[in-house]
């Protein structure tokens, strides 16, 4: 369900919406999700208000970012956000930084119904007045406005599915800290699978992106 052919221009949310957003009622069945976080994080799967694509201090909900593969998770979950915005000559990263990032792999409870907004779906976007997929892939100042809209109680959403700006095969899930979302996070937390430095697919992907590792 790629939106690569729909770059368009982002627009801000309309001042008033007549109905709830069109949404799916279940997370993708059997989907394995990945998360990338700093080793010193007190809770590796904590919902956060740190500034990100759909999160920021003061928004109605905290967010947990998950992705369908570890490479996409790297770009969406913290460290990769900064690299993405740099000029090509400035895309450098220390191996020690990668060694401090842990990768987590988990399967959510697919029997729990979540009401998710799928921003890859044109009909869903039209239901809230988003004219293009760029509303959910562009500047954070815009995407956070859409997140604030979708976090409102009237929307009754537990999160949103979106496509990574890397235009790779993976996609992402921004879970809001609703009761339904909180209930599906494993407790106790799973152990880290490996560090980012020990992920060969990630290292190859970074080199393809002209990121220099030293």
N, C-alpha and C. Protein backbone atom coordinates (compact mmCIF):
# COMPACT_ATOMS: atom_id res chain seq x y z
N UNK A 1 0.85 -1.20 0.00
CA UNK A 1 0.00 0.00 0.00
C UNK A 1 0.88 1.24 0.00
N UNK A 2 1.82 1.31 -0.93
CA UNK A 2 2.79 2.40 -0.94
C UNK A 2 2.14 3.71 -1.33
N UNK A 3 2.61 4.79 -0.72
CA UNK A 3 2.15 6.13 -1.07
C UNK A 3 3.22 6.88 -1.83
N UNK A 4 4.20 6.14 -2.38
CA UNK A 4 5.32 6.77 -3.05
C UNK A 4 4.87 7.63 -4.24
N UNK A 5 3.74 7.28 -4.88
CA UNK A 5 3.25 8.03 -6.02
C UNK A 5 2.40 9.23 -5.59
N UNK A 6 2.30 9.47 -4.30
CA UNK A 6 1.45 10.55 -3.78
C UNK A 6 2.27 11.48 -2.90
N UNK A 7 3.31 12.15 -3.47
CA UNK A 7 4.11 13.04 -2.63
C UNK A 7 3.31 14.25 -2.18
N UNK A 8 2.69 14.96 -3.16
CA UNK A 8 1.81 16.07 -2.83
C UNK A 8 2.42 17.12 -1.94
N UNK A 9 1.58 17.99 -1.44
CA UNK A 9 1.97 19.03 -0.50
C UNK A 9 1.14 18.88 0.76
N UNK A 10 1.78 19.03 1.89
CA UNK A 10 1.08 18.86 3.17
C UNK A 10 0.13 20.02 3.43
N UNK A 11 -1.00 19.73 4.03
CA UNK A 11 -1.92 20.77 4.51
C UNK A 11 -2.18 20.54 5.98
N UNK A 12 -2.54 21.59 6.69
CA UNK A 12 -2.87 21.48 8.10
C UNK A 12 -4.29 20.96 8.26
N UNK A 13 -4.62 20.43 9.43
CA UNK A 13 -5.98 19.92 9.64
C UNK A 13 -7.03 21.01 9.49
N UNK A 14 -8.22 20.65 9.00
CA UNK A 14 -9.30 21.63 8.92
C UNK A 14 -9.75 22.02 10.32
N UNK A 15 -10.40 23.18 10.45
CA UNK A 15 -10.80 23.63 11.78
C UNK A 15 -11.86 22.75 12.44
N UNK A 16 -12.64 22.02 11.64
CA UNK A 16 -13.70 21.20 12.21
C UNK A 16 -13.92 19.97 11.35
N UNK A 17 -14.08 18.83 11.99
CA UNK A 17 -14.36 17.60 11.27
C UNK A 17 -15.76 17.09 11.64
N UNK A 18 -16.52 16.58 10.65
CA UNK A 18 -17.91 16.19 10.92
C UNK A 18 -18.06 14.82 11.57
N UNK A 19 -17.03 13.95 11.49
CA UNK A 19 -17.20 12.58 12.00
C UNK A 19 -15.86 12.01 12.42
N UNK A 20 -15.91 10.83 13.05
CA UNK A 20 -14.69 10.17 13.48
C UNK A 20 -13.87 9.73 12.27
N UNK A 21 -12.55 9.65 12.43
CA UNK A 21 -11.70 9.20 11.32
C UNK A 21 -12.02 7.76 10.93
N UNK A 22 -11.89 7.48 9.64
CA UNK A 22 -11.99 6.11 9.16
C UNK A 22 -10.80 5.33 9.69
N UNK A 23 -11.04 4.18 10.29
CA UNK A 23 -9.95 3.46 10.94
C UNK A 23 -10.14 1.96 10.83
N UNK A 24 -9.02 1.25 10.92
CA UNK A 24 -9.05 -0.20 11.00
C UNK A 24 -9.21 -0.60 12.47
N UNK A 25 -9.78 -1.76 12.72
CA UNK A 25 -10.05 -2.17 14.10
C UNK A 25 -9.09 -3.24 14.61
N UNK A 26 -7.99 -3.46 13.89
CA UNK A 26 -7.04 -4.46 14.36
C UNK A 26 -5.66 -4.14 13.82
N UNK A 27 -4.65 -4.33 14.66
CA UNK A 27 -3.29 -4.22 14.18
C UNK A 27 -3.03 -5.36 13.19
N UNK A 28 -2.10 -5.19 12.24
CA UNK A 28 -1.82 -6.26 11.28
C UNK A 28 -1.56 -7.59 11.99
N UNK A 29 -2.32 -8.62 11.64
CA UNK A 29 -2.25 -9.90 12.33
C UNK A 29 -0.90 -10.57 12.11
N UNK A 30 -0.32 -11.07 13.20
CA UNK A 30 0.94 -11.80 13.10
C UNK A 30 2.15 -10.93 12.83
N UNK A 31 1.98 -9.62 12.89
CA UNK A 31 3.09 -8.73 12.56
C UNK A 31 4.12 -8.67 13.69
N UNK A 32 5.36 -8.85 13.33
CA UNK A 32 6.46 -8.66 14.27
C UNK A 32 6.90 -7.21 14.22
N UNK A 33 7.09 -6.60 15.39
CA UNK A 33 7.44 -5.19 15.46
C UNK A 33 8.82 -5.01 16.08
N UNK A 34 9.50 -3.96 15.64
CA UNK A 34 10.84 -3.65 16.13
C UNK A 34 10.86 -2.27 16.76
N UNK A 35 11.72 -2.13 17.77
CA UNK A 35 11.91 -0.84 18.43
C UNK A 35 13.39 -0.66 18.71
N UNK A 36 13.86 0.56 18.58
CA UNK A 36 15.27 0.89 18.78
C UNK A 36 15.35 1.94 19.87
N UNK A 37 16.12 1.68 20.92
CA UNK A 37 16.17 2.63 22.03
C UNK A 37 17.53 2.63 22.69
N UNK A 38 17.83 3.68 23.44
CA UNK A 38 19.12 3.79 24.13
C UNK A 38 19.18 2.79 25.28
N UNK A 39 20.35 2.22 25.46
CA UNK A 39 20.53 1.18 26.48
C UNK A 39 20.22 1.70 27.88
N UNK A 40 20.38 2.98 28.14
CA UNK A 40 20.17 3.53 29.47
C UNK A 40 18.71 3.88 29.75
N UNK A 41 17.83 3.66 28.79
CA UNK A 41 16.41 3.95 29.01
C UNK A 41 15.87 3.10 30.15
N UNK A 42 15.16 3.72 31.08
CA UNK A 42 14.62 2.99 32.22
C UNK A 42 13.60 1.94 31.77
N UNK A 43 12.80 2.29 30.79
CA UNK A 43 11.81 1.37 30.25
C UNK A 43 11.97 1.39 28.73
N UNK A 44 12.50 0.32 28.13
CA UNK A 44 12.78 0.33 26.69
C UNK A 44 11.54 0.46 25.82
N UNK A 45 10.37 0.16 26.35
CA UNK A 45 9.14 0.25 25.58
C UNK A 45 8.19 1.27 26.19
N UNK A 46 8.76 2.34 26.72
CA UNK A 46 7.95 3.39 27.34
C UNK A 46 7.32 4.30 26.29
N UNK A 47 6.12 4.75 26.56
CA UNK A 47 5.49 5.78 25.74
C UNK A 47 6.10 7.12 26.14
N UNK A 48 6.40 7.96 25.15
CA UNK A 48 7.18 9.17 25.42
C UNK A 48 6.54 10.39 24.78
N UNK A 49 6.84 11.55 25.34
CA UNK A 49 6.44 12.82 24.74
C UNK A 49 7.64 13.54 24.13
N UNK A 50 8.76 12.83 23.96
CA UNK A 50 9.92 13.42 23.29
C UNK A 50 9.53 13.85 21.88
N UNK A 51 10.12 14.94 21.42
CA UNK A 51 9.77 15.47 20.09
C UNK A 51 10.08 14.45 19.01
N UNK A 52 9.09 14.13 18.20
CA UNK A 52 9.24 13.20 17.10
C UNK A 52 8.18 13.47 16.06
N UNK A 53 7.99 12.54 15.14
CA UNK A 53 7.04 12.77 14.05
C UNK A 53 5.62 13.00 14.57
N UNK A 54 5.18 12.22 15.53
CA UNK A 54 3.82 12.36 16.06
C UNK A 54 3.81 12.56 17.57
N UNK A 55 4.89 13.02 18.12
CA UNK A 55 4.97 13.22 19.57
C UNK A 55 5.67 14.54 19.87
N UNK A 56 5.31 15.12 21.00
CA UNK A 56 5.92 16.37 21.45
C UNK A 56 5.37 16.70 22.82
N UNK A 57 6.14 17.43 23.62
CA UNK A 57 5.61 17.85 24.92
C UNK A 57 4.33 18.66 24.73
N UNK A 58 3.32 18.35 25.53
CA UNK A 58 2.06 19.09 25.47
C UNK A 58 1.00 18.45 24.62
N UNK A 59 1.35 17.45 23.80
CA UNK A 59 0.31 16.76 23.03
C UNK A 59 -0.54 15.90 23.97
N UNK A 60 -1.79 15.60 23.57
CA UNK A 60 -2.70 14.88 24.48
C UNK A 60 -2.23 13.48 24.87
N UNK A 61 -1.43 12.82 24.04
CA UNK A 61 -1.00 11.45 24.30
C UNK A 61 0.52 11.31 24.14
N UNK A 62 1.09 10.38 24.91
CA UNK A 62 2.46 9.97 24.67
C UNK A 62 2.45 8.89 23.60
N UNK A 63 3.63 8.64 23.00
CA UNK A 63 3.70 7.77 21.83
C UNK A 63 4.82 6.75 21.97
N UNK A 64 4.58 5.55 21.46
CA UNK A 64 5.61 4.52 21.32
C UNK A 64 5.71 4.21 19.83
N UNK A 65 6.93 4.36 19.28
CA UNK A 65 7.15 4.12 17.86
C UNK A 65 7.65 2.69 17.63
N UNK A 66 6.98 1.97 16.74
CA UNK A 66 7.37 0.62 16.36
C UNK A 66 7.44 0.54 14.84
N UNK A 67 8.28 -0.37 14.33
CA UNK A 67 8.43 -0.53 12.89
C UNK A 67 8.46 -2.00 12.52
N UNK A 68 8.22 -2.29 11.25
CA UNK A 68 8.14 -3.68 10.81
C UNK A 68 9.49 -4.33 10.56
N UNK A 69 10.57 -3.56 10.62
CA UNK A 69 11.90 -4.13 10.45
C UNK A 69 12.89 -3.26 11.22
N UNK A 70 14.06 -3.80 11.59
CA UNK A 70 15.00 -3.06 12.44
C UNK A 70 15.61 -1.85 11.77
N UNK A 71 15.77 -1.87 10.44
CA UNK A 71 16.35 -0.71 9.75
C UNK A 71 15.40 0.48 9.81
N UNK A 72 14.12 0.22 9.52
CA UNK A 72 13.13 1.29 9.62
C UNK A 72 13.03 1.80 11.04
N UNK A 73 13.11 0.91 12.02
CA UNK A 73 13.05 1.32 13.43
C UNK A 73 14.19 2.27 13.78
N UNK A 74 15.37 2.02 13.23
CA UNK A 74 16.51 2.90 13.50
C UNK A 74 16.22 4.33 13.05
N UNK A 75 15.64 4.47 11.86
CA UNK A 75 15.38 5.81 11.33
C UNK A 75 14.24 6.51 12.05
N UNK A 76 13.33 5.76 12.64
CA UNK A 76 12.15 6.37 13.25
C UNK A 76 12.25 6.54 14.76
N UNK A 77 13.14 5.82 15.41
CA UNK A 77 13.15 5.77 16.88
C UNK A 77 14.35 6.49 17.48
N UNK A 78 14.52 7.75 17.18
CA UNK A 78 15.54 8.51 17.91
C UNK A 78 16.77 8.86 17.11
N UNK A 79 17.80 8.03 17.20
CA UNK A 79 19.11 8.38 16.66
C UNK A 79 19.06 8.67 15.16
N UNK A 80 18.33 7.88 14.42
CA UNK A 80 18.27 8.07 12.97
C UNK A 80 17.58 9.35 12.54
N UNK A 81 16.73 9.92 13.38
CA UNK A 81 16.01 11.14 13.01
C UNK A 81 16.99 12.26 12.70
N UNK A 82 18.05 12.36 13.49
CA UNK A 82 19.04 13.41 13.29
C UNK A 82 19.84 13.17 12.02
N UNK A 83 20.24 11.93 11.78
CA UNK A 83 21.02 11.62 10.59
C UNK A 83 20.25 11.93 9.31
N UNK A 84 18.95 11.66 9.33
CA UNK A 84 18.13 11.85 8.14
C UNK A 84 18.15 13.29 7.66
N UNK A 85 18.25 14.24 8.58
CA UNK A 85 18.12 15.65 8.23
C UNK A 85 19.45 16.31 7.87
N UNK A 86 20.54 15.58 8.00
CA UNK A 86 21.85 16.17 7.71
C UNK A 86 22.15 16.15 6.22
N UNK A 87 23.05 17.07 5.80
CA UNK A 87 23.58 17.00 4.45
C UNK A 87 24.42 15.74 4.32
N UNK A 88 24.60 15.26 3.08
CA UNK A 88 25.31 14.00 2.85
C UNK A 88 26.70 14.01 3.48
N UNK A 89 27.42 15.13 3.37
CA UNK A 89 28.80 15.19 3.90
C UNK A 89 28.84 15.14 5.42
N UNK A 90 27.72 15.39 6.07
CA UNK A 90 27.67 15.42 7.54
C UNK A 90 27.06 14.15 8.14
N UNK A 91 26.78 13.17 7.32
CA UNK A 91 26.16 11.94 7.82
C UNK A 91 27.24 11.00 8.37
N UNK A 92 27.63 11.27 9.59
CA UNK A 92 28.63 10.45 10.27
C UNK A 92 28.07 10.01 11.62
N UNK A 93 28.54 8.84 12.08
CA UNK A 93 28.09 8.34 13.36
C UNK A 93 29.20 7.48 13.96
N UNK A 94 29.38 7.59 15.25
CA UNK A 94 30.39 6.79 15.92
C UNK A 94 29.85 5.39 16.20
N UNK A 95 30.73 4.41 16.04
CA UNK A 95 30.32 3.03 16.33
C UNK A 95 29.88 2.89 17.78
N UNK A 96 30.47 3.70 18.68
CA UNK A 96 30.09 3.64 20.09
C UNK A 96 28.64 4.06 20.29
N UNK A 97 28.16 4.99 19.46
CA UNK A 97 26.76 5.39 19.56
C UNK A 97 25.84 4.25 19.14
N UNK A 98 26.21 3.55 18.08
CA UNK A 98 25.41 2.41 17.64
C UNK A 98 25.43 1.29 18.67
N UNK A 99 26.55 1.17 19.38
CA UNK A 99 26.65 0.11 20.38
C UNK A 99 25.80 0.40 21.61
N UNK A 100 25.36 1.66 21.77
CA UNK A 100 24.51 2.04 22.89
C UNK A 100 23.03 1.96 22.56
N UNK A 101 22.73 1.58 21.31
CA UNK A 101 21.33 1.45 20.90
C UNK A 101 20.95 -0.02 20.87
N UNK A 102 19.90 -0.37 21.61
CA UNK A 102 19.43 -1.76 21.66
C UNK A 102 18.23 -1.95 20.74
N UNK A 103 18.17 -3.12 20.10
CA UNK A 103 17.04 -3.47 19.25
C UNK A 103 16.14 -4.47 19.97
N UNK A 104 14.85 -4.18 19.95
CA UNK A 104 13.86 -5.06 20.58
C UNK A 104 12.92 -5.58 19.50
N UNK A 105 12.55 -6.83 19.63
CA UNK A 105 11.63 -7.46 18.70
C UNK A 105 10.47 -8.04 19.51
N UNK A 106 9.24 -7.73 19.10
CA UNK A 106 8.09 -8.22 19.85
C UNK A 106 6.90 -8.45 18.93
N UNK A 107 6.03 -9.33 19.35
CA UNK A 107 4.76 -9.56 18.67
C UNK A 107 3.65 -9.12 19.60
N UNK A 108 2.86 -8.18 19.16
CA UNK A 108 1.78 -7.67 20.01
C UNK A 108 0.65 -8.67 20.06
N UNK A 109 -0.17 -8.55 21.07
CA UNK A 109 -1.32 -9.43 21.24
C UNK A 109 -2.35 -9.12 20.15
N UNK A 110 -2.37 -9.96 19.10
CA UNK A 110 -3.24 -9.66 17.96
C UNK A 110 -4.72 -9.89 18.26
N UNK A 111 -5.02 -10.47 19.41
CA UNK A 111 -6.42 -10.68 19.76
C UNK A 111 -7.03 -9.44 20.41
N UNK A 112 -6.20 -8.46 20.67
CA UNK A 112 -6.68 -7.21 21.23
C UNK A 112 -7.02 -6.25 20.10
N UNK A 113 -8.22 -5.74 20.11
CA UNK A 113 -8.63 -4.81 19.06
C UNK A 113 -8.08 -3.42 19.34
N UNK A 114 -7.44 -2.87 18.34
CA UNK A 114 -6.97 -1.49 18.41
C UNK A 114 -7.65 -0.70 17.29
N UNK A 115 -8.03 0.51 17.58
CA UNK A 115 -8.60 1.36 16.54
C UNK A 115 -7.46 2.23 16.01
N UNK A 116 -6.97 1.89 14.81
CA UNK A 116 -5.80 2.54 14.24
C UNK A 116 -6.17 3.32 12.98
N UNK A 117 -5.60 4.49 12.86
CA UNK A 117 -5.74 5.27 11.64
C UNK A 117 -4.61 4.89 10.70
N UNK A 118 -4.93 4.48 9.47
CA UNK A 118 -3.92 4.07 8.50
C UNK A 118 -3.68 5.21 7.52
N UNK A 119 -2.61 5.96 7.73
CA UNK A 119 -2.36 7.14 6.90
C UNK A 119 -1.92 6.77 5.49
N UNK A 120 -1.67 5.49 5.23
CA UNK A 120 -1.31 5.05 3.87
C UNK A 120 -2.54 4.94 2.98
N UNK A 121 -3.72 4.94 3.59
CA UNK A 121 -4.97 4.71 2.87
C UNK A 121 -5.61 6.05 2.49
N UNK A 122 -5.84 6.24 1.19
CA UNK A 122 -6.37 7.51 0.71
C UNK A 122 -7.75 7.82 1.29
N UNK A 123 -8.61 6.80 1.41
CA UNK A 123 -9.95 7.03 1.96
C UNK A 123 -9.87 7.47 3.41
N UNK A 124 -8.95 6.87 4.16
CA UNK A 124 -8.78 7.28 5.56
C UNK A 124 -8.29 8.72 5.63
N UNK A 125 -7.36 9.07 4.77
CA UNK A 125 -6.85 10.44 4.78
C UNK A 125 -7.96 11.44 4.44
N UNK A 126 -8.76 11.09 3.43
CA UNK A 126 -9.85 12.00 3.04
C UNK A 126 -10.85 12.18 4.17
N UNK A 127 -11.02 11.15 5.01
CA UNK A 127 -12.01 11.23 6.08
C UNK A 127 -11.67 12.29 7.12
N UNK A 128 -10.40 12.72 7.16
CA UNK A 128 -10.02 13.76 8.13
C UNK A 128 -9.51 15.03 7.43
N UNK A 129 -9.62 15.07 6.11
CA UNK A 129 -9.23 16.28 5.40
C UNK A 129 -7.76 16.38 5.06
N UNK A 130 -7.02 15.27 5.15
CA UNK A 130 -5.62 15.26 4.75
C UNK A 130 -5.55 15.03 3.25
N UNK A 131 -5.02 15.98 2.50
CA UNK A 131 -5.06 15.92 1.05
C UNK A 131 -3.99 15.01 0.45
N UNK A 132 -2.89 14.79 1.17
CA UNK A 132 -1.82 13.95 0.64
C UNK A 132 -1.15 13.18 1.77
N UNK A 133 -0.37 12.17 1.40
CA UNK A 133 0.37 11.40 2.39
C UNK A 133 1.46 12.22 3.06
N UNK A 134 1.86 13.33 2.44
CA UNK A 134 2.92 14.17 3.01
C UNK A 134 2.50 14.77 4.35
N UNK A 135 1.20 14.83 4.60
CA UNK A 135 0.73 15.32 5.90
C UNK A 135 1.30 14.49 7.05
N UNK A 136 1.68 13.24 6.75
CA UNK A 136 2.17 12.34 7.78
C UNK A 136 3.63 11.96 7.58
N UNK A 137 4.27 12.57 6.57
CA UNK A 137 5.66 12.26 6.28
C UNK A 137 6.57 13.47 6.22
N UNK A 138 5.99 14.67 6.25
CA UNK A 138 6.77 15.87 6.04
C UNK A 138 7.31 16.47 7.33
N UNK A 139 7.33 17.77 7.36
CA UNK A 139 7.88 18.52 8.49
C UNK A 139 7.14 18.18 9.78
N UNK A 140 7.90 18.05 10.86
CA UNK A 140 7.30 17.70 12.15
C UNK A 140 6.28 18.73 12.61
N UNK A 141 6.47 19.98 12.24
CA UNK A 141 5.51 21.02 12.64
C UNK A 141 4.13 20.73 12.07
N UNK A 142 4.09 20.03 10.92
CA UNK A 142 2.81 19.66 10.31
C UNK A 142 2.32 18.33 10.88
N UNK A 143 3.18 17.32 10.91
CA UNK A 143 2.75 15.99 11.36
C UNK A 143 2.28 16.01 12.81
N UNK A 144 2.88 16.86 13.63
CA UNK A 144 2.45 16.95 15.02
C UNK A 144 1.06 17.56 15.14
N UNK A 145 0.70 18.46 14.22
CA UNK A 145 -0.66 19.00 14.21
C UNK A 145 -1.67 17.90 13.92
N UNK A 146 -1.33 17.02 12.96
CA UNK A 146 -2.24 15.92 12.65
C UNK A 146 -2.31 14.93 13.82
N UNK A 147 -1.18 14.72 14.47
CA UNK A 147 -1.18 13.84 15.64
C UNK A 147 -2.08 14.40 16.73
N UNK A 148 -1.99 15.70 16.96
CA UNK A 148 -2.83 16.31 18.00
C UNK A 148 -4.31 16.12 17.68
N UNK A 149 -4.66 16.23 16.40
CA UNK A 149 -6.05 16.02 15.99
C UNK A 149 -6.48 14.58 16.26
N UNK A 150 -5.64 13.62 15.87
CA UNK A 150 -6.01 12.21 16.00
C UNK A 150 -5.98 11.72 17.44
N UNK A 151 -5.32 12.47 18.32
CA UNK A 151 -5.26 12.09 19.74
C UNK A 151 -6.46 12.59 20.54
N UNK A 152 -7.29 13.41 19.93
CA UNK A 152 -8.43 13.97 20.66
C UNK A 152 -9.42 12.85 21.03
N UNK A 153 -10.10 12.98 22.16
CA UNK A 153 -11.03 11.93 22.61
C UNK A 153 -12.10 11.57 21.59
N UNK A 154 -12.61 12.54 20.81
CA UNK A 154 -13.68 12.26 19.87
C UNK A 154 -13.23 11.28 18.77
N UNK A 155 -11.91 11.27 18.47
CA UNK A 155 -11.39 10.40 17.40
C UNK A 155 -11.38 8.93 17.83
N UNK A 156 -11.24 8.68 19.12
CA UNK A 156 -11.25 7.33 19.68
C UNK A 156 -10.24 6.41 18.99
N UNK A 157 -9.00 6.88 18.87
CA UNK A 157 -7.95 6.12 18.21
C UNK A 157 -6.90 5.65 19.22
N UNK A 158 -6.30 4.52 18.92
CA UNK A 158 -5.21 3.99 19.75
C UNK A 158 -3.85 4.19 19.10
N UNK A 159 -3.82 4.75 17.92
CA UNK A 159 -2.56 4.99 17.24
C UNK A 159 -2.76 5.13 15.75
N UNK A 160 -1.65 5.23 15.02
CA UNK A 160 -1.74 5.35 13.58
C UNK A 160 -0.62 4.59 12.90
N UNK A 161 -0.94 4.05 11.74
CA UNK A 161 0.03 3.37 10.88
C UNK A 161 0.52 4.38 9.85
N UNK A 162 1.80 4.38 9.58
CA UNK A 162 2.33 5.31 8.59
C UNK A 162 3.55 4.72 7.90
N UNK A 163 3.86 5.28 6.75
CA UNK A 163 4.98 4.81 5.96
C UNK A 163 6.23 5.59 6.34
N UNK A 164 7.35 4.91 6.42
CA UNK A 164 8.61 5.56 6.75
C UNK A 164 9.01 6.53 5.64
N UNK A 165 9.63 7.62 6.02
CA UNK A 165 10.11 8.57 5.02
C UNK A 165 11.26 8.00 4.20
N UNK A 166 11.83 6.87 4.62
CA UNK A 166 12.91 6.25 3.86
C UNK A 166 12.41 5.57 2.60
N UNK A 167 11.09 5.43 2.46
CA UNK A 167 10.48 4.78 1.30
C UNK A 167 11.02 3.37 1.09
N UNK A 168 11.31 2.68 2.19
CA UNK A 168 11.72 1.30 2.13
C UNK A 168 10.52 0.39 2.20
N UNK A 169 10.75 -0.90 2.31
CA UNK A 169 9.63 -1.85 2.35
C UNK A 169 8.85 -1.83 3.66
N UNK A 170 9.45 -1.31 4.73
CA UNK A 170 8.80 -1.35 6.02
C UNK A 170 7.83 -0.20 6.24
N UNK A 171 6.98 -0.37 7.25
CA UNK A 171 6.12 0.73 7.67
C UNK A 171 6.12 0.79 9.19
N UNK A 172 5.44 1.75 9.74
CA UNK A 172 5.59 2.06 11.15
C UNK A 172 4.24 2.17 11.85
N UNK A 173 4.31 2.06 13.16
CA UNK A 173 3.13 2.18 14.01
C UNK A 173 3.45 3.14 15.14
N UNK A 174 2.69 4.21 15.23
CA UNK A 174 2.81 5.14 16.35
C UNK A 174 1.65 4.85 17.30
N UNK A 175 1.93 4.16 18.39
CA UNK A 175 0.91 3.81 19.37
C UNK A 175 0.71 4.96 20.34
N UNK A 176 -0.54 5.35 20.57
CA UNK A 176 -0.86 6.33 21.61
C UNK A 176 -1.01 5.59 22.94
N UNK A 177 -0.77 6.25 24.03
CA UNK A 177 -0.86 5.58 25.34
C UNK A 177 -2.31 5.48 25.83
N UNK A 178 -3.16 4.91 24.99
CA UNK A 178 -4.54 4.64 25.38
C UNK A 178 -4.57 3.38 26.24
N UNK A 179 -5.63 3.14 26.97
CA UNK A 179 -5.72 1.91 27.76
C UNK A 179 -5.53 0.65 26.92
N UNK A 180 -6.10 0.62 25.71
CA UNK A 180 -5.97 -0.56 24.86
C UNK A 180 -4.54 -0.78 24.41
N UNK A 181 -3.83 0.29 24.08
CA UNK A 181 -2.43 0.17 23.66
C UNK A 181 -1.54 -0.25 24.82
N UNK A 182 -1.74 0.35 25.97
CA UNK A 182 -0.93 0.01 27.14
C UNK A 182 -1.09 -1.46 27.51
N UNK A 183 -2.29 -2.00 27.26
CA UNK A 183 -2.58 -3.37 27.67
C UNK A 183 -1.84 -4.41 26.83
N UNK A 184 -1.39 -4.06 25.63
CA UNK A 184 -0.77 -5.06 24.77
C UNK A 184 0.76 -5.07 24.84
N UNK A 185 1.34 -4.13 25.58
CA UNK A 185 2.80 -4.10 25.70
C UNK A 185 3.23 -5.20 26.67
N UNK A 186 4.16 -6.06 26.27
CA UNK A 186 4.55 -7.20 27.12
C UNK A 186 5.07 -6.76 28.48
N UNK A 187 4.69 -7.48 29.50
CA UNK A 187 5.16 -7.26 30.86
C UNK A 187 5.37 -8.63 31.51
N UNK A 188 6.60 -9.00 31.86
CA UNK A 188 7.80 -8.16 31.83
C UNK A 188 8.27 -7.87 30.41
N UNK A 189 9.10 -6.85 30.30
CA UNK A 189 9.61 -6.44 29.01
C UNK A 189 10.53 -7.51 28.42
N UNK A 190 10.52 -7.68 27.10
CA UNK A 190 11.43 -8.65 26.48
C UNK A 190 12.87 -8.16 26.57
N UNK A 191 13.81 -9.07 26.51
CA UNK A 191 15.22 -8.71 26.52
C UNK A 191 15.62 -8.15 25.15
N UNK A 192 16.61 -7.28 25.15
CA UNK A 192 17.11 -6.75 23.89
C UNK A 192 17.67 -7.89 23.04
N UNK A 193 17.41 -7.84 21.74
CA UNK A 193 17.90 -8.89 20.85
C UNK A 193 19.38 -8.71 20.55
N UNK A 194 19.80 -7.48 20.33
CA UNK A 194 21.19 -7.16 19.99
C UNK A 194 21.35 -5.65 20.00
N UNK A 195 22.57 -5.17 19.85
CA UNK A 195 22.79 -3.74 19.69
C UNK A 195 22.71 -3.39 18.21
N UNK A 196 22.51 -2.12 17.93
CA UNK A 196 22.46 -1.68 16.53
C UNK A 196 23.78 -1.94 15.83
N UNK A 197 24.87 -1.84 16.55
CA UNK A 197 26.18 -2.09 15.96
C UNK A 197 26.32 -3.54 15.51
N UNK A 198 25.62 -4.45 16.15
CA UNK A 198 25.70 -5.87 15.82
C UNK A 198 24.61 -6.33 14.86
N UNK A 199 23.94 -5.39 14.23
CA UNK A 199 22.92 -5.70 13.24
C UNK A 199 23.52 -5.52 11.85
N UNK A 200 23.93 -6.59 11.17
CA UNK A 200 24.61 -6.44 9.88
C UNK A 200 23.74 -5.78 8.81
N UNK A 201 22.43 -6.05 8.82
CA UNK A 201 21.55 -5.44 7.82
C UNK A 201 21.48 -3.93 8.02
N UNK A 202 21.48 -3.49 9.27
CA UNK A 202 21.45 -2.06 9.54
C UNK A 202 22.75 -1.40 9.08
N UNK A 203 23.88 -2.01 9.35
CA UNK A 203 25.16 -1.44 8.95
C UNK A 203 25.22 -1.29 7.43
N UNK A 204 24.77 -2.32 6.71
CA UNK A 204 24.76 -2.24 5.25
C UNK A 204 23.83 -1.12 4.78
N UNK A 205 22.66 -1.01 5.41
CA UNK A 205 21.70 0.04 5.04
C UNK A 205 22.27 1.43 5.28
N UNK A 206 22.98 1.61 6.39
CA UNK A 206 23.58 2.91 6.69
C UNK A 206 24.64 3.27 5.65
N UNK A 207 25.45 2.30 5.27
CA UNK A 207 26.48 2.56 4.26
C UNK A 207 25.84 2.93 2.93
N UNK A 208 24.72 2.31 2.58
CA UNK A 208 24.02 2.65 1.36
C UNK A 208 23.48 4.07 1.42
N UNK A 209 23.18 4.54 2.62
CA UNK A 209 22.67 5.91 2.81
C UNK A 209 23.82 6.90 2.93
N UNK A 210 25.03 6.45 2.62
CA UNK A 210 26.26 7.26 2.70
C UNK A 210 26.55 7.75 4.12
N UNK A 211 26.12 7.00 5.12
CA UNK A 211 26.47 7.31 6.51
C UNK A 211 27.84 6.72 6.79
N UNK A 212 28.74 7.55 7.27
CA UNK A 212 30.09 7.09 7.60
C UNK A 212 30.13 6.67 9.06
N UNK A 213 30.62 5.47 9.31
CA UNK A 213 30.72 4.95 10.67
C UNK A 213 32.20 4.91 11.05
N UNK A 214 32.53 5.52 12.19
CA UNK A 214 33.94 5.56 12.59
C UNK A 214 34.08 5.29 14.08
